[in-house]
Amino acid sequence: MQRQQKKLQKVKQIRKKRKINMQIEEINIEGKKIGTHEVSDKIFSLKPRKDLIQLVINWQMNEQMKKKGHTKSRGEVKGSRRKIVQQKGSGGARHGNITAPIFVGGGIAHGPRHRGKTAHAKLNKSSRSRRRFCWARWRCRP
């Protein structure tokens, strides 16, 4: 019980130290004021960075995009990797394994591969930009 009370006291002290400078008015669907919410100045005072916002938008669009158009290459096709015929002396052309694109049932040489349109952003960078992006439109005056 004493530990919980000490934790509660620490939490109260931390809350007192925080500076809450901004208030947001809450409105309902008709546009009438319902109340106000106190928000931290740490979020609303940030200036939106366009490069981070673009990174997050690209990441979200890439995640929503339907994955399509994937073909198997010679390394992904099921089949033996042994050499079909010996290199010399058979009188025929040189061949490697049966999964080569030249054979029926082999891999596709330059087929469509879904790799995504954008690279994934680092998590800390994207979370920071999401926070800025979310509040870019909803900035309030102190």
C-alpha atoms as a PDB file:
ATOM      1  CA  MET A   1       0.000   0.000   0.000  1.00  0.00           C
ATOM      2  CA  GLN A   2       2.814   2.398   0.801  1.00  0.00           C
ATOM      3  CA  ARG A   3       4.461   1.742  -2.557  1.00  0.00           C
ATOM      4  CA  GLN A   4       1.246   2.525  -4.388  1.00  0.00           C
ATOM      5  CA  GLN A   5       0.799   5.741  -2.417  1.00  0.00           C
ATOM      6  CA  LYS A   6       4.371   6.794  -3.217  1.00  0.00           C
ATOM      7  CA  LYS A   7       3.798   6.086  -6.916  1.00  0.00           C
ATOM      8  CA  LEU A   8       0.595   8.127  -6.852  1.00  0.00           C
ATOM      9  CA  GLN A   9       2.412  11.014  -5.195  1.00  0.00           C
ATOM     10  CA  LYS A  10       5.148  10.893  -7.847  1.00  0.00           C
ATOM     11  CA  VAL A  11       2.562  10.893 -10.617  1.00  0.00           C
ATOM     12  CA  LYS A  12       0.810  13.901  -9.068  1.00  0.00           C
ATOM     13  CA  GLN A  13       4.127  15.755  -8.792  1.00  0.00           C
ATOM     14  CA  ILE A  14       4.947  15.007 -12.431  1.00  0.00           C
ATOM     15  CA  ARG A  15       1.531  16.258 -13.518  1.00  0.00           C
ATOM     16  CA  LYS A  16       2.035  19.474 -11.589  1.00  0.00           C
ATOM     17  CA  LYS A  17       5.406  20.047 -13.273  1.00  0.00           C
ATOM     18  CA  ARG A  18       3.939  19.680 -16.765  1.00  0.00           C
ATOM     19  CA  LYS A  19       3.036  22.893 -18.463  1.00  0.00           C
ATOM     20  CA  ILE A  20      -0.410  22.778 -19.992  1.00  0.00           C
ATOM     21  CA  ASN A  21      -0.763  25.999 -21.924  1.00  0.00           C
ATOM     22  CA  MET A  22      -3.345  25.298 -24.574  1.00  0.00           C
ATOM     23  CA  GLN A  23      -7.029  24.547 -24.444  1.00  0.00           C
ATOM     24  CA  ILE A  24      -9.110  23.002 -27.202  1.00  0.00           C
ATOM     25  CA  GLU A  25     -12.808  23.656 -27.464  1.00  0.00           C
ATOM     26  CA  GLU A  26     -14.890  20.536 -27.942  1.00  0.00           C
ATOM     27  CA  ILE A  27     -17.888  20.924 -30.223  1.00  0.00           C
ATOM     28  CA  ASN A  28     -20.658  18.549 -31.177  1.00  0.00           C
ATOM     29  CA  ILE A  29     -22.074  17.784 -34.629  1.00  0.00           C
ATOM     30  CA  GLU A  30     -24.330  20.851 -34.596  1.00  0.00           C
ATOM     31  CA  GLY A  31     -21.338  23.098 -33.854  1.00  0.00           C
ATOM     32  CA  LYS A  32     -22.251  23.914 -30.252  1.00  0.00           C
ATOM     33  CA  LYS A  33     -19.548  24.076 -27.598  1.00  0.00           C
ATOM     34  CA  ILE A  34     -19.591  21.123 -25.237  1.00  0.00           C
ATOM     35  CA  GLY A  35     -16.500  21.857 -23.185  1.00  0.00           C
ATOM     36  CA  THR A  36     -12.754  22.397 -23.278  1.00  0.00           C
ATOM     37  CA  HIS A  37      -9.756  20.103 -23.029  1.00  0.00           C
ATOM     38  CA  GLU A  38      -6.354  21.065 -21.744  1.00  0.00           C
ATOM     39  CA  VAL A  39      -3.541  19.831 -23.967  1.00  0.00           C
ATOM     40  CA  SER A  40       0.206  19.793 -23.717  1.00  0.00           C
ATOM     41  CA  ASP A  41       2.150  22.512 -25.437  1.00  0.00           C
ATOM     42  CA  LYS A  42       4.755  19.927 -26.483  1.00  0.00           C
ATOM     43  CA  ILE A  43       2.527  18.579 -29.247  1.00  0.00           C
ATOM     44  CA  PHE A  44       0.780  21.699 -30.457  1.00  0.00           C
ATOM     45  CA  SER A  45       3.835  23.948 -30.566  1.00  0.00           C
ATOM     46  CA  LEU A  46       5.673  21.688 -33.029  1.00  0.00           C
ATOM     47  CA  LYS A  47       6.100  22.999 -36.543  1.00  0.00           C
ATOM     48  CA  PRO A  48       4.998  20.452 -39.163  1.00  0.00           C
ATOM     49  CA  ARG A  49       7.862  19.096 -41.273  1.00  0.00           C
ATOM     50  CA  LYS A  50       6.814  18.415 -44.838  1.00  0.00           C
ATOM     51  CA  ASP A  51       9.467  15.770 -45.441  1.00  0.00           C
ATOM     52  CA  LEU A  52       8.331  13.670 -42.482  1.00  0.00           C
ATOM     53  CA  ILE A  53       4.690  14.106 -43.408  1.00  0.00           C
ATOM     54  CA  GLN A  54       5.451  12.908 -46.942  1.00  0.00           C
ATOM     55  CA  LEU A  55       7.322   9.906 -45.519  1.00  0.00           C
ATOM     56  CA  VAL A  56       4.314   8.902 -43.431  1.00  0.00           C
ATOM     57  CA  ILE A  57       1.874   9.382 -46.312  1.00  0.00           C
ATOM     58  CA  ASN A  58       4.034   7.223 -48.583  1.00  0.00           C
ATOM     59  CA  TRP A  59       4.310   4.562 -45.898  1.00  0.00           C
ATOM     60  CA  GLN A  60       0.553   4.497 -45.311  1.00  0.00           C
ATOM     61  CA  MET A  61      -0.217   4.349 -49.034  1.00  0.00           C
ATOM     62  CA  ASN A  62       2.261   1.504 -49.449  1.00  0.00           C
ATOM     63  CA  GLU A  63       0.650  -0.444 -46.602  1.00  0.00           C
ATOM     64  CA  GLN A  64      -2.829   0.015 -48.085  1.00  0.00           C
ATOM     65  CA  MET A  65      -1.778  -0.925 -51.608  1.00  0.00           C
ATOM     66  CA  LYS A  66      -2.974  -4.306 -52.787  1.00  0.00           C
ATOM     67  CA  LYS A  67      -0.088  -6.725 -53.265  1.00  0.00           C
ATOM     68  CA  LYS A  68      -0.176  -8.154 -56.774  1.00  0.00           C
ATOM     69  CA  GLY A  69       1.908  -9.282 -59.719  1.00  0.00           C
ATOM     70  CA  HIS A  70       4.492 -11.621 -58.245  1.00  0.00           C
ATOM     71  CA  THR A  71       6.258 -14.289 -60.328  1.00  0.00           C
ATOM     72  CA  LYS A  72       8.790 -16.859 -59.196  1.00  0.00           C
ATOM     73  CA  SER A  73      12.369 -16.573 -60.329  1.00  0.00           C
ATOM     74  CA  ARG A  74      14.662 -19.536 -61.009  1.00  0.00           C
ATOM     75  CA  GLY A  75      15.653 -19.658 -57.357  1.00  0.00           C
ATOM     76  CA  GLU A  76      12.077 -19.848 -56.077  1.00  0.00           C
ATOM     77  CA  VAL A  77      10.736 -22.527 -58.444  1.00  0.00           C
ATOM     78  CA  LYS A  78      10.441 -26.027 -57.056  1.00  0.00           C
ATOM     79  CA  GLY A  79      12.794 -28.439 -58.750  1.00  0.00           C
ATOM     80  CA  SER A  80      16.182 -30.121 -58.601  1.00  0.00           C
ATOM     81  CA  ARG A  81      19.340 -28.038 -58.814  1.00  0.00           C
ATOM     82  CA  ARG A  82      21.479 -30.767 -60.384  1.00  0.00           C
ATOM     83  CA  LYS A  83      22.995 -30.381 -63.823  1.00  0.00           C
ATOM     84  CA  ILE A  84      20.764 -31.975 -66.482  1.00  0.00           C
ATOM     85  CA  VAL A  85      23.434 -33.266 -68.884  1.00  0.00           C
ATOM     86  CA  GLN A  86      27.177 -33.227 -68.760  1.00  0.00           C
ATOM     87  CA  GLN A  87      28.962 -30.100 -69.957  1.00  0.00           C
ATOM     88  CA  LYS A  88      30.851 -31.735 -72.856  1.00  0.00           C
ATOM     89  CA  GLY A  89      30.458 -34.791 -75.003  1.00  0.00           C
ATOM     90  CA  SER A  90      26.680 -34.987 -75.284  1.00  0.00           C
ATOM     91  CA  GLY A  91      26.483 -33.097 -78.573  1.00  0.00           C
ATOM     92  CA  GLY A  92      23.735 -30.840 -77.274  1.00  0.00           C
ATOM     93  CA  ALA A  93      23.669 -27.363 -75.821  1.00  0.00           C
ATOM     94  CA  ARG A  94      25.052 -26.579 -72.402  1.00  0.00           C
ATOM     95  CA  HIS A  95      22.403 -26.576 -69.668  1.00  0.00           C
ATOM     96  CA  GLY A  96      22.404 -26.082 -65.947  1.00  0.00           C
ATOM     97  CA  ASN A  97      19.389 -27.022 -63.858  1.00  0.00           C
ATOM     98  CA  ILE A  98      15.755 -27.550 -64.781  1.00  0.00           C
ATOM     99  CA  THR A  99      14.578 -24.370 -63.000  1.00  0.00           C
ATOM    100  CA  ALA A 100      16.298 -22.103 -65.548  1.00  0.00           C
ATOM    101  CA  PRO A 101      13.944 -19.742 -67.415  1.00  0.00           C
ATOM    102  CA  ILE A 102      14.679 -21.439 -70.761  1.00  0.00           C
ATOM    103  CA  PHE A 103      12.796 -24.601 -69.717  1.00  0.00           C
ATOM    104  CA  VAL A 104       9.033 -25.083 -69.480  1.00  0.00           C
ATOM    105  CA  GLY A 105       8.125 -24.999 -65.789  1.00  0.00           C
ATOM    106  CA  GLY A 106      11.233 -23.017 -64.951  1.00  0.00           C
ATOM    107  CA  GLY A 107      11.378 -19.585 -63.374  1.00  0.00           C
ATOM    108  CA  ILE A 108      10.389 -16.344 -65.066  1.00  0.00           C
ATOM    109  CA  ALA A 109      13.391 -14.237 -66.063  1.00  0.00           C
ATOM    110  CA  HIS A 110      12.095 -10.662 -65.870  1.00  0.00           C
ATOM    111  CA  GLY A 111       8.552 -11.043 -64.612  1.00  0.00           C
ATOM    112  CA  PRO A 112       6.621  -8.688 -62.335  1.00  0.00           C
ATOM    113  CA  ARG A 113       7.863  -8.540 -58.761  1.00  0.00           C
ATOM    114  CA  HIS A 114       5.963  -6.750 -56.019  1.00  0.00           C
ATOM    115  CA  ARG A 115       8.481  -4.980 -53.852  1.00  0.00           C
ATOM    116  CA  GLY A 116       6.414  -2.006 -52.717  1.00  0.00           C
ATOM    117  CA  LYS A 117       6.692   1.542 -53.959  1.00  0.00           C
ATOM    118  CA  THR A 118       8.432   3.146 -51.001  1.00  0.00           C
ATOM    119  CA  ALA A 119      10.963   2.078 -48.441  1.00  0.00           C
ATOM    120  CA  HIS A 120       9.854   1.713 -44.843  1.00  0.00           C
ATOM    121  CA  ALA A 121      10.701   4.630 -42.609  1.00  0.00           C
ATOM    122  CA  LYS A 122      12.361   4.238 -39.248  1.00  0.00           C
ATOM    123  CA  LEU A 123       9.815   3.843 -36.491  1.00  0.00           C
ATOM    124  CA  ASN A 124      10.929   6.754 -34.349  1.00  0.00           C
ATOM    125  CA  LYS A 125      10.941   9.095 -37.338  1.00  0.00           C
ATOM    126  CA  SER A 126       7.500   8.011 -38.486  1.00  0.00           C
ATOM    127  CA  SER A 127       5.947   8.234 -35.028  1.00  0.00           C
ATOM    128  CA  ARG A 128       7.332  11.740 -34.599  1.00  0.00           C
ATOM    129  CA  SER A 129       5.978  12.808 -37.956  1.00  0.00           C
ATOM    130  CA  ARG A 130       2.580  11.218 -37.287  1.00  0.00           C
ATOM    131  CA  ARG A 131       2.262  13.279 -34.151  1.00  0.00           C
ATOM    132  CA  ARG A 132       3.106  16.434 -36.102  1.00  0.00           C
ATOM    133  CA  PHE A 133       0.855  15.468 -38.981  1.00  0.00           C
ATOM    134  CA  CYS A 134      -2.144  14.777 -36.771  1.00  0.00           C
ATOM    135  CA  TRP A 135      -1.998  18.176 -35.159  1.00  0.00           C
ATOM    136  CA  ALA A 136      -0.883  20.200 -38.189  1.00  0.00           C
ATOM    137  CA  ARG A 137      -4.469  21.055 -39.078  1.00  0.00           C
ATOM    138  CA  TRP A 138      -5.840  21.314 -35.559  1.00  0.00           C
ATOM    139  CA  ARG A 139      -3.477  23.871 -34.107  1.00  0.00           C
ATOM    140  CA  CYS A 140      -5.027  26.027 -31.431  1.00  0.00           C
ATOM    141  CA  ARG A 141      -4.107  29.474 -30.256  1.00  0.00           C
ATOM    142  CA  PRO A 142      -2.810  29.748 -26.654  1.00  0.00           C
END
